[in-house]
Amino acid sequence: MIKTIAISVLFGLSLASTALADCVVNVNRSACAGKESESYSKCGGSKSCDKDYPAATEAACIAAAKENCPNKRLDITKSKIVKARFNGKTLAGPYGGNFCAPNRPDFNKCK
């Protein structure tokens, strides 16, 4: 009986660990003139970086990518290109691979 319970627990843990897949969101920023250091600070000083997100499906990974589109720092960041990979597969954003619309009112403008 104890052996059956132990095997069930281990099997349950292995299923739980595979429920969330590998979702990697890449954010590539374009800084406003002279604001590169501040704009790139979210990527440790680099223009582009990857962030891991928990996602059980491609749709959840796409949603995580889209959540990175809003630009709240209009005086620092001019625009962003956001792409994503789910389980190693590149997800095709609707704007040339990018998930952020290039005509967004918060893009390509520096205050």
PDB file of N, CA and C in Angstrom:
ATOM      1  N   MET A   1       0.821  -1.195   0.000  1.00  0.00           N
ATOM      2  CA  MET A   1       0.000   0.000   0.000  1.00  0.00           C
ATOM      3  C   MET A   1       0.866   1.260   0.000  1.00  0.00           C
ATOM      4  N   ILE A   2       1.863   1.299   0.869  1.00  0.00           N
ATOM      5  CA  ILE A   2       2.746   2.466   0.935  1.00  0.00           C
ATOM      6  C   ILE A   2       3.509   2.621  -0.374  1.00  0.00           C
ATOM      7  N   LYS A   3       3.914   1.511  -0.953  1.00  0.00           N
ATOM      8  CA  LYS A   3       4.637   1.550  -2.226  1.00  0.00           C
ATOM      9  C   LYS A   3       3.745   2.148  -3.318  1.00  0.00           C
ATOM     10  N   THR A   4       2.478   1.773  -3.346  1.00  0.00           N
ATOM     11  CA  THR A   4       1.537   2.302  -4.333  1.00  0.00           C
ATOM     12  C   THR A   4       1.346   3.802  -4.148  1.00  0.00           C
ATOM     13  N   ILE A   5       1.239   4.242  -2.908  1.00  0.00           N
ATOM     14  CA  ILE A   5       1.070   5.669  -2.624  1.00  0.00           C
ATOM     15  C   ILE A   5       2.315   6.442  -3.057  1.00  0.00           C
ATOM     16  N   ALA A   6       3.489   5.921  -2.750  1.00  0.00           N
ATOM     17  CA  ALA A   6       4.741   6.588  -3.113  1.00  0.00           C
ATOM     18  C   ALA A   6       4.868   6.716  -4.627  1.00  0.00           C
ATOM     19  N   ILE A   7       4.536   5.674  -5.344  1.00  0.00           N
ATOM     20  CA  ILE A   7       4.609   5.721  -6.808  1.00  0.00           C
ATOM     21  C   ILE A   7       3.594   6.732  -7.339  1.00  0.00           C
ATOM     22  N   SER A   8       2.400   6.770  -6.765  1.00  0.00           N
ATOM     23  CA  SER A   8       1.379   7.727  -7.196  1.00  0.00           C
ATOM     24  C   SER A   8       1.827   9.162  -6.964  1.00  0.00           C
ATOM     25  N   VAL A   9       2.458   9.411  -5.832  1.00  0.00           N
ATOM     26  CA  VAL A   9       2.952  10.757  -5.521  1.00  0.00           C
ATOM     27  C   VAL A   9       4.044  11.147  -6.502  1.00  0.00           C
ATOM     28  N   LEU A  10       4.986  10.272  -6.762  1.00  0.00           N
ATOM     29  CA  LEU A  10       6.066  10.571  -7.710  1.00  0.00           C
ATOM     30  C   LEU A  10       5.519  10.806  -9.109  1.00  0.00           C
ATOM     31  N   PHE A  11       4.569  10.012  -9.527  1.00  0.00           N
ATOM     32  CA  PHE A  11       3.957  10.178 -10.847  1.00  0.00           C
ATOM     33  C   PHE A  11       3.230  11.516 -10.920  1.00  0.00           C
ATOM     34  N   GLY A  12       2.517  11.857  -9.859  1.00  0.00           N
ATOM     35  CA  GLY A  12       1.805  13.139  -9.806  1.00  0.00           C
ATOM     36  C   GLY A  12       2.766  14.310  -9.870  1.00  0.00           C
ATOM     37  N   LEU A  13       3.900  14.226  -9.186  1.00  0.00           N
ATOM     38  CA  LEU A  13       4.901  15.287  -9.228  1.00  0.00           C
ATOM     39  C   LEU A  13       5.494  15.426 -10.618  1.00  0.00           C
ATOM     40  N   SER A  14       5.729  14.316 -11.293  1.00  0.00           N
ATOM     41  CA  SER A  14       6.306  14.397 -12.638  1.00  0.00           C
ATOM     42  C   SER A  14       5.310  15.023 -13.602  1.00  0.00           C
ATOM     43  N   LEU A  15       4.020  14.761 -13.442  1.00  0.00           N
ATOM     44  CA  LEU A  15       3.017  15.387 -14.294  1.00  0.00           C
ATOM     45  C   LEU A  15       2.924  16.875 -14.006  1.00  0.00           C
ATOM     46  N   ALA A  16       2.998  17.251 -12.739  1.00  0.00           N
ATOM     47  CA  ALA A  16       2.919  18.663 -12.372  1.00  0.00           C
ATOM     48  C   ALA A  16       4.095  19.440 -12.936  1.00  0.00           C
ATOM     49  N   SER A  17       5.272  18.845 -12.964  1.00  0.00           N
ATOM     50  CA  SER A  17       6.435  19.571 -13.455  1.00  0.00           C
ATOM     51  C   SER A  17       6.424  19.750 -14.966  1.00  0.00           C
ATOM     52  N   THR A  18       5.656  18.920 -15.677  1.00  0.00           N
ATOM     53  CA  THR A  18       5.596  19.071 -17.129  1.00  0.00           C
ATOM     54  C   THR A  18       4.376  19.852 -17.583  1.00  0.00           C
ATOM     55  N   ALA A  19       3.514  20.261 -16.648  1.00  0.00           N
ATOM     56  CA  ALA A  19       2.308  20.993 -17.014  1.00  0.00           C
ATOM     57  C   ALA A  19       2.651  22.350 -17.625  1.00  0.00           C
ATOM     58  N   LEU A  20       3.686  22.993 -17.140  1.00  0.00           N
ATOM     59  CA  LEU A  20       4.101  24.267 -17.688  1.00  0.00           C
ATOM     60  C   LEU A  20       5.276  24.038 -18.610  1.00  0.00           C
ATOM     61  N   ALA A  21       5.204  24.639 -19.764  1.00  0.00           N
ATOM     62  CA  ALA A  21       6.239  24.448 -20.777  1.00  0.00           C
ATOM     63  C   ALA A  21       7.194  25.633 -20.779  1.00  0.00           C
ATOM     64  N   ASP A  22       8.139  25.580 -21.691  1.00  0.00           N
ATOM     65  CA  ASP A  22       9.173  26.587 -21.817  1.00  0.00           C
ATOM     66  C   ASP A  22       8.692  27.724 -22.715  1.00  0.00           C
ATOM     67  N   CYS A  23       8.419  28.882 -22.132  1.00  0.00           N
ATOM     68  CA  CYS A  23       8.018  30.069 -22.875  1.00  0.00           C
ATOM     69  C   CYS A  23       9.088  31.128 -22.663  1.00  0.00           C
ATOM     70  N   VAL A  24       9.722  31.554 -23.747  1.00  0.00           N
ATOM     71  CA  VAL A  24      10.767  32.571 -23.673  1.00  0.00           C
ATOM     72  C   VAL A  24      10.325  33.773 -24.491  1.00  0.00           C
ATOM     73  N   VAL A  25      10.264  34.926 -23.834  1.00  0.00           N
ATOM     74  CA  VAL A  25       9.867  36.163 -24.494  1.00  0.00           C
ATOM     75  C   VAL A  25      11.114  37.032 -24.639  1.00  0.00           C
ATOM     76  N   ASN A  26      11.376  37.480 -25.866  1.00  0.00           N
ATOM     77  CA  ASN A  26      12.514  38.351 -26.151  1.00  0.00           C
ATOM     78  C   ASN A  26      12.005  39.771 -26.362  1.00  0.00           C
ATOM     79  N   VAL A  27      12.570  40.705 -25.607  1.00  0.00           N
ATOM     80  CA  VAL A  27      12.221  42.113 -25.734  1.00  0.00           C
ATOM     81  C   VAL A  27      13.448  42.856 -26.235  1.00  0.00           C
ATOM     82  N   ASN A  28      13.282  43.579 -27.344  1.00  0.00           N
ATOM     83  CA  ASN A  28      14.360  44.354 -27.953  1.00  0.00           C
ATOM     84  C   ASN A  28      13.900  45.810 -27.972  1.00  0.00           C
ATOM     85  N   ARG A  29      14.580  46.664 -27.201  1.00  0.00           N
ATOM     86  CA  ARG A  29      14.172  48.062 -27.068  1.00  0.00           C
ATOM     87  C   ARG A  29      14.964  48.987 -27.982  1.00  0.00           C
ATOM     88  N   SER A  30      14.294  50.053 -28.418  1.00  0.00           N
ATOM     89  CA  SER A  30      14.956  51.181 -29.073  1.00  0.00           C
ATOM     90  C   SER A  30      14.808  52.356 -28.116  1.00  0.00           C
ATOM     91  N   ALA A  31      15.915  52.932 -27.718  1.00  0.00           N
ATOM     92  CA  ALA A  31      15.902  53.996 -26.718  1.00  0.00           C
ATOM     93  C   ALA A  31      15.718  55.368 -27.355  1.00  0.00           C
ATOM     94  N   CYS A  32      15.179  56.289 -26.578  1.00  0.00           N
ATOM     95  CA  CYS A  32      15.159  57.686 -26.991  1.00  0.00           C
ATOM     96  C   CYS A  32      16.610  58.184 -26.938  1.00  0.00           C
ATOM     97  N   ALA A  33      16.915  59.197 -27.729  1.00  0.00           N
ATOM     98  CA  ALA A  33      18.280  59.716 -27.822  1.00  0.00           C
ATOM     99  C   ALA A  33      18.839  60.084 -26.443  1.00  0.00           C
ATOM    100  N   GLY A  34      19.993  59.528 -26.138  1.00  0.00           N
ATOM    101  CA  GLY A  34      20.666  59.816 -24.880  1.00  0.00           C
ATOM    102  C   GLY A  34      20.119  59.056 -23.683  1.00  0.00           C
ATOM    103  N   LYS A  35      19.137  58.214 -23.881  1.00  0.00           N
ATOM    104  CA  LYS A  35      18.497  57.484 -22.777  1.00  0.00           C
ATOM    105  C   LYS A  35      18.784  55.991 -22.818  1.00  0.00           C
ATOM    106  N   GLU A  36      19.813  55.591 -23.570  1.00  0.00           N
ATOM    107  CA  GLU A  36      20.122  54.174 -23.739  1.00  0.00           C
ATOM    108  C   GLU A  36      20.334  53.460 -22.405  1.00  0.00           C
ATOM    109  N   SER A  37      21.097  54.056 -21.528  1.00  0.00           N
ATOM    110  CA  SER A  37      21.399  53.416 -20.242  1.00  0.00           C
ATOM    111  C   SER A  37      20.119  53.126 -19.458  1.00  0.00           C
ATOM    112  N   GLU A  38      19.224  54.098 -19.389  1.00  0.00           N
ATOM    113  CA  GLU A  38      17.973  53.923 -18.656  1.00  0.00           C
ATOM    114  C   GLU A  38      17.041  52.937 -19.358  1.00  0.00           C
ATOM    115  N   SER A  39      16.934  53.061 -20.675  1.00  0.00           N
ATOM    116  CA  SER A  39      16.033  52.193 -21.435  1.00  0.00           C
ATOM    117  C   SER A  39      16.462  50.735 -21.349  1.00  0.00           C
ATOM    118  N   TYR A  40      17.747  50.495 -21.440  1.00  0.00           N
ATOM    119  CA  TYR A  40      18.254  49.129 -21.460  1.00  0.00           C
ATOM    120  C   TYR A  40      18.444  48.543 -20.067  1.00  0.00           C
ATOM    121  N   SER A  41      18.172  49.324 -19.021  1.00  0.00           N
ATOM    122  CA  SER A  41      18.375  48.843 -17.654  1.00  0.00           C
ATOM    123  C   SER A  41      17.512  47.618 -17.334  1.00  0.00           C
ATOM    124  N   LYS A  42      16.354  47.488 -17.970  1.00  0.00           N
ATOM    125  CA  LYS A  42      15.486  46.331 -17.711  1.00  0.00           C
ATOM    126  C   LYS A  42      16.073  45.039 -18.263  1.00  0.00           C
ATOM    127  N   CYS A  43      17.107  45.176 -19.106  1.00  0.00           N
ATOM    128  CA  CYS A  43      17.803  44.002 -19.655  1.00  0.00           C
ATOM    129  C   CYS A  43      19.255  43.982 -19.169  1.00  0.00           C
ATOM    130  N   GLY A  44      19.479  44.507 -18.002  1.00  0.00           N
ATOM    131  CA  GLY A  44      20.828  44.478 -17.442  1.00  0.00           C
ATOM    132  C   GLY A  44      21.826  45.275 -18.271  1.00  0.00           C
ATOM    133  N   GLY A  45      21.362  46.314 -18.958  1.00  0.00           N
ATOM    134  CA  GLY A  45      22.234  47.149 -19.759  1.00  0.00           C
ATOM    135  C   GLY A  45      22.299  46.764 -21.226  1.00  0.00           C
ATOM    136  N   SER A  46      21.686  45.650 -21.589  1.00  0.00           N
ATOM    137  CA  SER A  46      21.662  45.219 -22.992  1.00  0.00           C
ATOM    138  C   SER A  46      20.396  45.726 -23.674  1.00  0.00           C
ATOM    139  N   LYS A  47      20.475  45.936 -24.975  1.00  0.00           N
ATOM    140  CA  LYS A  47      19.329  46.388 -25.756  1.00  0.00           C
ATOM    141  C   LYS A  47      18.229  45.326 -25.793  1.00  0.00           C
ATOM    142  N   SER A  48      18.617  44.067 -25.754  1.00  0.00           N
ATOM    143  CA  SER A  48      17.691  42.955 -25.907  1.00  0.00           C
ATOM    144  C   SER A  48      17.953  41.901 -24.841  1.00  0.00           C
ATOM    145  N   CYS A  49      16.893  41.245 -24.386  1.00  0.00           N
ATOM    146  CA  CYS A  49      17.071  40.140 -23.441  1.00  0.00           C
ATOM    147  C   CYS A  49      15.872  39.194 -23.502  1.00  0.00           C
ATOM    148  N   ASP A  50      16.089  37.990 -23.007  1.00  0.00           N
ATOM    149  CA  ASP A  50      15.054  36.964 -22.913  1.00  0.00           C
ATOM    150  C   ASP A  50      14.560  36.873 -21.481  1.00  0.00           C
ATOM    151  N   LYS A  51      13.263  36.624 -21.339  1.00  0.00           N
ATOM    152  CA  LYS A  51      12.660  36.371 -20.029  1.00  0.00           C
ATOM    153  C   LYS A  51      11.847  35.092 -20.132  1.00  0.00           C
ATOM    154  N   ASP A  52      11.948  34.251 -19.117  1.00  0.00           N
ATOM    155  CA  ASP A  52      11.176  33.006 -19.066  1.00  0.00           C
ATOM    156  C   ASP A  52       9.837  33.272 -18.391  1.00  0.00           C
ATOM    157  N   TYR A  53       8.790  32.685 -18.953  1.00  0.00           N
ATOM    158  CA  TYR A  53       7.445  32.806 -18.403  1.00  0.00           C
ATOM    159  C   TYR A  53       6.829  31.426 -18.285  1.00  0.00           C
ATOM    160  N   PRO A  54       6.024  31.193 -17.228  1.00  0.00           N
ATOM    161  CA  PRO A  54       5.299  29.929 -17.139  1.00  0.00           C
ATOM    162  C   PRO A  54       4.129  29.958 -18.111  1.00  0.00           C
ATOM    163  N   ALA A  55       4.018  28.951 -18.944  1.00  0.00           N
ATOM    164  CA  ALA A  55       2.919  28.881 -19.904  1.00  0.00           C
ATOM    165  C   ALA A  55       2.634  27.428 -20.221  1.00  0.00           C
ATOM    166  N   ALA A  56       1.380  27.055 -20.159  1.00  0.00           N
ATOM    167  CA  ALA A  56       0.988  25.677 -20.465  1.00  0.00           C
ATOM    168  C   ALA A  56       0.691  25.483 -21.947  1.00  0.00           C
ATOM    169  N   THR A  57       0.431  26.583 -22.652  1.00  0.00           N
ATOM    170  CA  THR A  57       0.062  26.496 -24.065  1.00  0.00           C
ATOM    171  C   THR A  57       0.744  27.609 -24.862  1.00  0.00           C
ATOM    172  N   GLU A  58       0.721  27.465 -26.189  1.00  0.00           N
ATOM    173  CA  GLU A  58       1.241  28.527 -27.057  1.00  0.00           C
ATOM    174  C   GLU A  58       0.453  29.816 -26.831  1.00  0.00           C
ATOM    175  N   ALA A  59      -0.850  29.696 -26.670  1.00  0.00           N
ATOM    176  CA  ALA A  59      -1.694  30.877 -26.457  1.00  0.00           C
ATOM    177  C   ALA A  59      -1.279  31.632 -25.200  1.00  0.00           C
ATOM    178  N   ALA A  60      -0.946  30.908 -24.146  1.00  0.00           N
ATOM    179  CA  ALA A  60      -0.497  31.549 -22.912  1.00  0.00           C
ATOM    180  C   ALA A  60       0.849  32.236 -23.121  1.00  0.00           C
ATOM    181  N   CYS A  61       1.702  31.646 -23.919  1.00  0.00           N
ATOM    182  CA  CYS A  61       3.007  32.244 -24.221  1.00  0.00           C
ATOM    183  C   CYS A  61       2.819  33.512 -25.061  1.00  0.00           C
ATOM    184  N   ILE A  62       1.915  33.463 -26.019  1.00  0.00           N
ATOM    185  CA  ILE A  62       1.608  34.644 -26.834  1.00  0.00           C
ATOM    186  C   ILE A  62       1.069  35.762 -25.950  1.00  0.00           C
ATOM    187  N   ALA A  63       0.210  35.419 -25.010  1.00  0.00           N
ATOM    188  CA  ALA A  63      -0.332  36.419 -24.084  1.00  0.00           C
ATOM    189  C   ALA A  63       0.793  37.053 -23.267  1.00  0.00           C
ATOM    190  N   ALA A  64       1.762  36.247 -22.827  1.00  0.00           N
ATOM    191  CA  ALA A  64       2.908  36.780 -22.073  1.00  0.00           C
ATOM    192  C   ALA A  64       3.717  37.736 -22.939  1.00  0.00           C
ATOM    193  N   ALA A  65       3.875  37.402 -24.215  1.00  0.00           N
ATOM    194  CA  ALA A  65       4.607  38.283 -25.132  1.00  0.00           C
ATOM    195  C   ALA A  65       3.866  39.606 -25.286  1.00  0.00           C
ATOM    196  N   LYS A  66       2.566  39.546 -25.500  1.00  0.00           N
ATOM    197  CA  LYS A  66       1.770  40.762 -25.699  1.00  0.00           C
ATOM    198  C   LYS A  66       1.763  41.651 -24.461  1.00  0.00           C
ATOM    199  N   GLU A  67       1.876  41.054 -23.276  1.00  0.00           N
ATOM    200  CA  GLU A  67       1.921  41.834 -22.042  1.00  0.00           C
ATOM    201  C   GLU A  67       3.160  42.718 -21.973  1.00  0.00           C
ATOM    202  N   ASN A  68       4.172  42.410 -22.760  1.00  0.00           N
ATOM    203  CA  ASN A  68       5.398  43.196 -22.772  1.00  0.00           C
ATOM    204  C   ASN A  68       5.355  44.351 -23.770  1.00  0.00           C
ATOM    205  N   CYS A  69       4.290  44.488 -24.528  1.00  0.00           N
ATOM    206  CA  CYS A  69       4.207  45.530 -25.560  1.00  0.00           C
ATOM    207  C   CYS A  69       3.999  46.951 -25.029  1.00  0.00           C
ATOM    208  N   PRO A  70       3.134  47.179 -24.054  1.00  0.00           N
ATOM    209  CA  PRO A  70       2.906  48.563 -23.632  1.00  0.00           C
ATOM    210  C   PRO A  70       4.203  49.276 -23.242  1.00  0.00           C
ATOM    211  N   ASN A  71       4.321  50.513 -23.698  1.00  0.00           N
ATOM    212  CA  ASN A  71       5.497  51.329 -23.409  1.00  0.00           C
ATOM    213  C   ASN A  71       5.076  52.440 -22.457  1.00  0.00           C
ATOM    214  N   LYS A  72       5.416  52.281 -21.193  1.00  0.00           N
ATOM    215  CA  LYS A  72       5.031  53.257 -20.173  1.00  0.00           C
ATOM    216  C   LYS A  72       6.110  54.308 -19.952  1.00  0.00           C
ATOM    217  N   ARG A  73       7.272  54.113 -20.569  1.00  0.00           N
ATOM    218  CA  ARG A  73       8.395  55.034 -20.344  1.00  0.00           C
ATOM    219  C   ARG A  73       8.684  55.806 -21.641  1.00  0.00           C
ATOM    220  N   LEU A  74       7.727  56.628 -22.063  1.00  0.00           N
ATOM    221  CA  LEU A  74       7.822  57.333 -23.336  1.00  0.00           C
ATOM    222  C   LEU A  74       8.976  58.340 -23.385  1.00  0.00           C
ATOM    223  N   ASP A  75       9.456  58.745 -22.246  1.00  0.00           N
ATOM    224  CA  ASP A  75      10.588  59.675 -22.220  1.00  0.00           C
ATOM    225  C   ASP A  75      11.922  58.939 -22.257  1.00  0.00           C
ATOM    226  N   ILE A  76      11.882  57.599 -22.202  1.00  0.00           N
ATOM    227  CA  ILE A  76      13.101  56.793 -22.164  1.00  0.00           C
ATOM    228  C   ILE A  76      13.179  55.812 -23.330  1.00  0.00           C
ATOM    229  N   THR A  77      12.079  55.096 -23.594  1.00  0.00           N
ATOM    230  CA  THR A  77      12.058  54.055 -24.625  1.00  0.00           C
ATOM    231  C   THR A  77      11.167  54.477 -25.788  1.00  0.00           C
ATOM    232  N   LYS A  78      11.741  54.453 -26.993  1.00  0.00           N
ATOM    233  CA  LYS A  78      11.007  54.844 -28.198  1.00  0.00           C
ATOM    234  C   LYS A  78      10.077  53.734 -28.665  1.00  0.00           C
ATOM    235  N   SER A  79      10.575  52.498 -28.706  1.00  0.00           N
ATOM    236  CA  SER A  79       9.754  51.376 -29.161  1.00  0.00           C
ATOM    237  C   SER A  79      10.343  50.054 -28.699  1.00  0.00           C
ATOM    238  N   LYS A  80       9.552  48.995 -28.865  1.00  0.00           N
ATOM    239  CA  LYS A  80       9.987  47.642 -28.510  1.00  0.00           C
ATOM    240  C   LYS A  80       9.567  46.670 -29.597  1.00  0.00           C
ATOM    241  N   ILE A  81      10.395  45.668 -29.793  1.00  0.00           N
ATOM    242  CA  ILE A  81      10.045  44.524 -30.625  1.00  0.00           C
ATOM    243  C   ILE A  81       9.991  43.337 -29.670  1.00  0.00           C
ATOM    244  N   VAL A  82       8.861  42.649 -29.640  1.00  0.00           N
ATOM    245  CA  VAL A  82       8.673  41.533 -28.718  1.00  0.00           C
ATOM    246  C   VAL A  82       8.390  40.270 -29.526  1.00  0.00           C
ATOM    247  N   LYS A  83       9.230  39.280 -29.310  1.00  0.00           N
ATOM    248  CA  LYS A  83       9.076  37.978 -29.972  1.00  0.00           C
ATOM    249  C   LYS A  83       9.031  36.894 -28.908  1.00  0.00           C
ATOM    250  N   ALA A  84       8.603  35.687 -29.291  1.00  0.00           N
ATOM    251  CA  ALA A  84       8.474  34.612 -28.305  1.00  0.00           C
ATOM    252  C   ALA A  84       8.798  33.252 -28.922  1.00  0.00           C
ATOM    253  N   ARG A  85       9.228  32.349 -28.031  1.00  0.00           N
ATOM    254  CA  ARG A  85       9.449  30.936 -28.387  1.00  0.00           C
ATOM    255  C   ARG A  85       8.727  30.084 -27.357  1.00  0.00           C
ATOM    256  N   PHE A  86       8.058  29.037 -27.854  1.00  0.00           N
ATOM    257  CA  PHE A  86       7.360  28.107 -26.972  1.00  0.00           C
ATOM    258  C   PHE A  86       7.923  26.718 -27.226  1.00  0.00           C
ATOM    259  N   ASN A  87       8.511  26.123 -26.205  1.00  0.00           N
ATOM    260  CA  ASN A  87       9.166  24.810 -26.323  1.00  0.00           C
ATOM    261  C   ASN A  87      10.174  24.794 -27.475  1.00  0.00           C
ATOM    262  N   GLY A  88      10.890  25.900 -27.649  1.00  0.00           N
ATOM    263  CA  GLY A  88      11.919  25.995 -28.674  1.00  0.00           C
ATOM    264  C   GLY A  88      11.419  26.411 -30.042  1.00  0.00           C
ATOM    265  N   LYS A  89      10.106  26.446 -30.229  1.00  0.00           N
ATOM    266  CA  LYS A  89       9.512  26.819 -31.517  1.00  0.00           C
ATOM    267  C   LYS A  89       9.239  28.327 -31.531  1.00  0.00           C
ATOM    268  N   THR A  90       9.744  29.006 -32.567  1.00  0.00           N
ATOM    269  CA  THR A  90       9.489  30.437 -32.708  1.00  0.00           C
ATOM    270  C   THR A  90       8.022  30.659 -33.029  1.00  0.00           C
ATOM    271  N   LEU A  91       7.385  31.529 -32.259  1.00  0.00           N
ATOM    272  CA  LEU A  91       5.980  31.864 -32.492  1.00  0.00           C
ATOM    273  C   LEU A  91       5.924  33.083 -33.403  1.00  0.00           C
ATOM    274  N   ALA A  92       5.072  33.032 -34.385  1.00  0.00           N
ATOM    275  CA  ALA A  92       4.990  34.101 -35.378  1.00  0.00           C
ATOM    276  C   ALA A  92       4.048  35.200 -34.912  1.00  0.00           C
ATOM    277  N   GLY A  93       4.623  36.339 -34.557  1.00  0.00           N
ATOM    278  CA  GLY A  93       3.811  37.496 -34.236  1.00  0.00           C
ATOM    279  C   GLY A  93       3.243  38.082 -35.519  1.00  0.00           C
ATOM    280  N   PRO A  94       2.126  38.775 -35.453  1.00  0.00           N
ATOM    281  CA  PRO A  94       1.453  39.264 -36.648  1.00  0.00           C
ATOM    282  C   PRO A  94       2.145  40.425 -37.365  1.00  0.00           C
ATOM    283  N   TYR A  95       3.187  40.967 -36.762  1.00  0.00           N
ATOM    284  CA  TYR A  95       3.871  42.126 -37.345  1.00  0.00           C
ATOM    285  C   TYR A  95       5.313  41.759 -37.676  1.00  0.00           C
ATOM    286  N   GLY A  96       5.488  40.899 -38.652  1.00  0.00           N
ATOM    287  CA  GLY A  96       6.826  40.464 -39.041  1.00  0.00           C
ATOM    288  C   GLY A  96       7.535  39.686 -37.940  1.00  0.00           C
ATOM    289  N   GLY A  97       6.778  38.904 -37.198  1.00  0.00           N
ATOM    290  CA  GLY A  97       7.326  38.143 -36.075  1.00  0.00           C
ATOM    291  C   GLY A  97       7.152  38.860 -34.746  1.00  0.00           C
ATOM    292  N   ASN A  98       6.961  40.157 -34.787  1.00  0.00           N
ATOM    293  CA  ASN A  98       6.773  40.990 -33.602  1.00  0.00           C
ATOM    294  C   ASN A  98       5.317  40.889 -33.139  1.00  0.00           C
ATOM    295  N   PHE A  99       5.112  40.885 -31.818  1.00  0.00           N
ATOM    296  CA  PHE A  99       3.758  40.846 -31.277  1.00  0.00           C
ATOM    297  C   PHE A  99       3.203  42.236 -30.998  1.00  0.00           C
ATOM    298  N   CYS A 100       4.016  43.272 -31.163  1.00  0.00           N
ATOM    299  CA  CYS A 100       3.583  44.643 -30.884  1.00  0.00           C
ATOM    300  C   CYS A 100       3.321  45.386 -32.190  1.00  0.00           C
ATOM    301  N   ALA A 101       2.149  45.986 -32.305  1.00  0.00           N
ATOM    302  CA  ALA A 101       1.795  46.744 -33.504  1.00  0.00           C
ATOM    303  C   ALA A 101       2.707  47.959 -33.637  1.00  0.00           C
ATOM    304  N   PRO A 102       3.279  48.162 -34.814  1.00  0.00           N
ATOM    305  CA  PRO A 102       4.188  49.298 -35.000  1.00  0.00           C
ATOM    306  C   PRO A 102       3.477  50.652 -35.017  1.00  0.00           C
ATOM    307  N   ASN A 103       2.156  50.651 -35.135  1.00  0.00           N
ATOM    308  CA  ASN A 103       1.420  51.915 -35.157  1.00  0.00           C
ATOM    309  C   ASN A 103       0.726  52.211 -33.827  1.00  0.00           C
ATOM    310  N   ARG A 104       1.209  51.604 -32.762  1.00  0.00           N
ATOM    311  CA  ARG A 104       0.647  51.851 -31.437  1.00  0.00           C
ATOM    312  C   ARG A 104       0.871  53.321 -31.059  1.00  0.00           C
ATOM    313  N   PRO A 105      -0.057  53.922 -30.339  1.00  0.00           N
ATOM    314  CA  PRO A 105       0.123  55.325 -29.963  1.00  0.00           C
ATOM    315  C   PRO A 105       1.285  55.542 -28.970  1.00  0.00           C
ATOM    316  N   ASP A 106       1.751  54.475 -28.338  1.00  0.00           N
ATOM    317  CA  ASP A 106       2.841  54.623 -27.378  1.00  0.00           C
ATOM    318  C   ASP A 106       4.183  54.188 -27.962  1.00  0.00           C
ATOM    319  N   PHE A 107       4.265  54.106 -29.283  1.00  0.00           N
ATOM    320  CA  PHE A 107       5.508  53.687 -29.941  1.00  0.00           C
ATOM    321  C   PHE A 107       6.017  54.765 -30.892  1.00  0.00           C
ATOM    322  N   ASN A 108       7.314  54.716 -31.113  1.00  0.00           N
ATOM    323  CA  ASN A 108       8.008  55.617 -32.030  1.00  0.00           C
ATOM    324  C   ASN A 108       7.823  57.081 -31.681  1.00  0.00           C
ATOM    325  N   LYS A 109       7.707  57.328 -30.399  1.00  0.00           N
ATOM    326  CA  LYS A 109       7.589  58.700 -29.902  1.00  0.00           C
ATOM    327  C   LYS A 109       8.455  58.843 -28.663  1.00  0.00           C
ATOM    328  N   CYS A 110       9.157  59.908 -28.589  1.00  0.00           N
ATOM    329  CA  CYS A 110       9.915  60.233 -27.386  1.00  0.00           C
ATOM    330  C   CYS A 110       9.429  61.591 -26.896  1.00  0.00           C
ATOM    331  N   LYS A 111       9.086  61.660 -25.621  1.00  0.00           N
ATOM    332  CA  LYS A 111       8.598  62.937 -25.053  1.00  0.00           C
ATOM    333  C   LYS A 111       9.733  63.918 -24.964  1.00  0.00           C
TER     334      LYS A 111
END
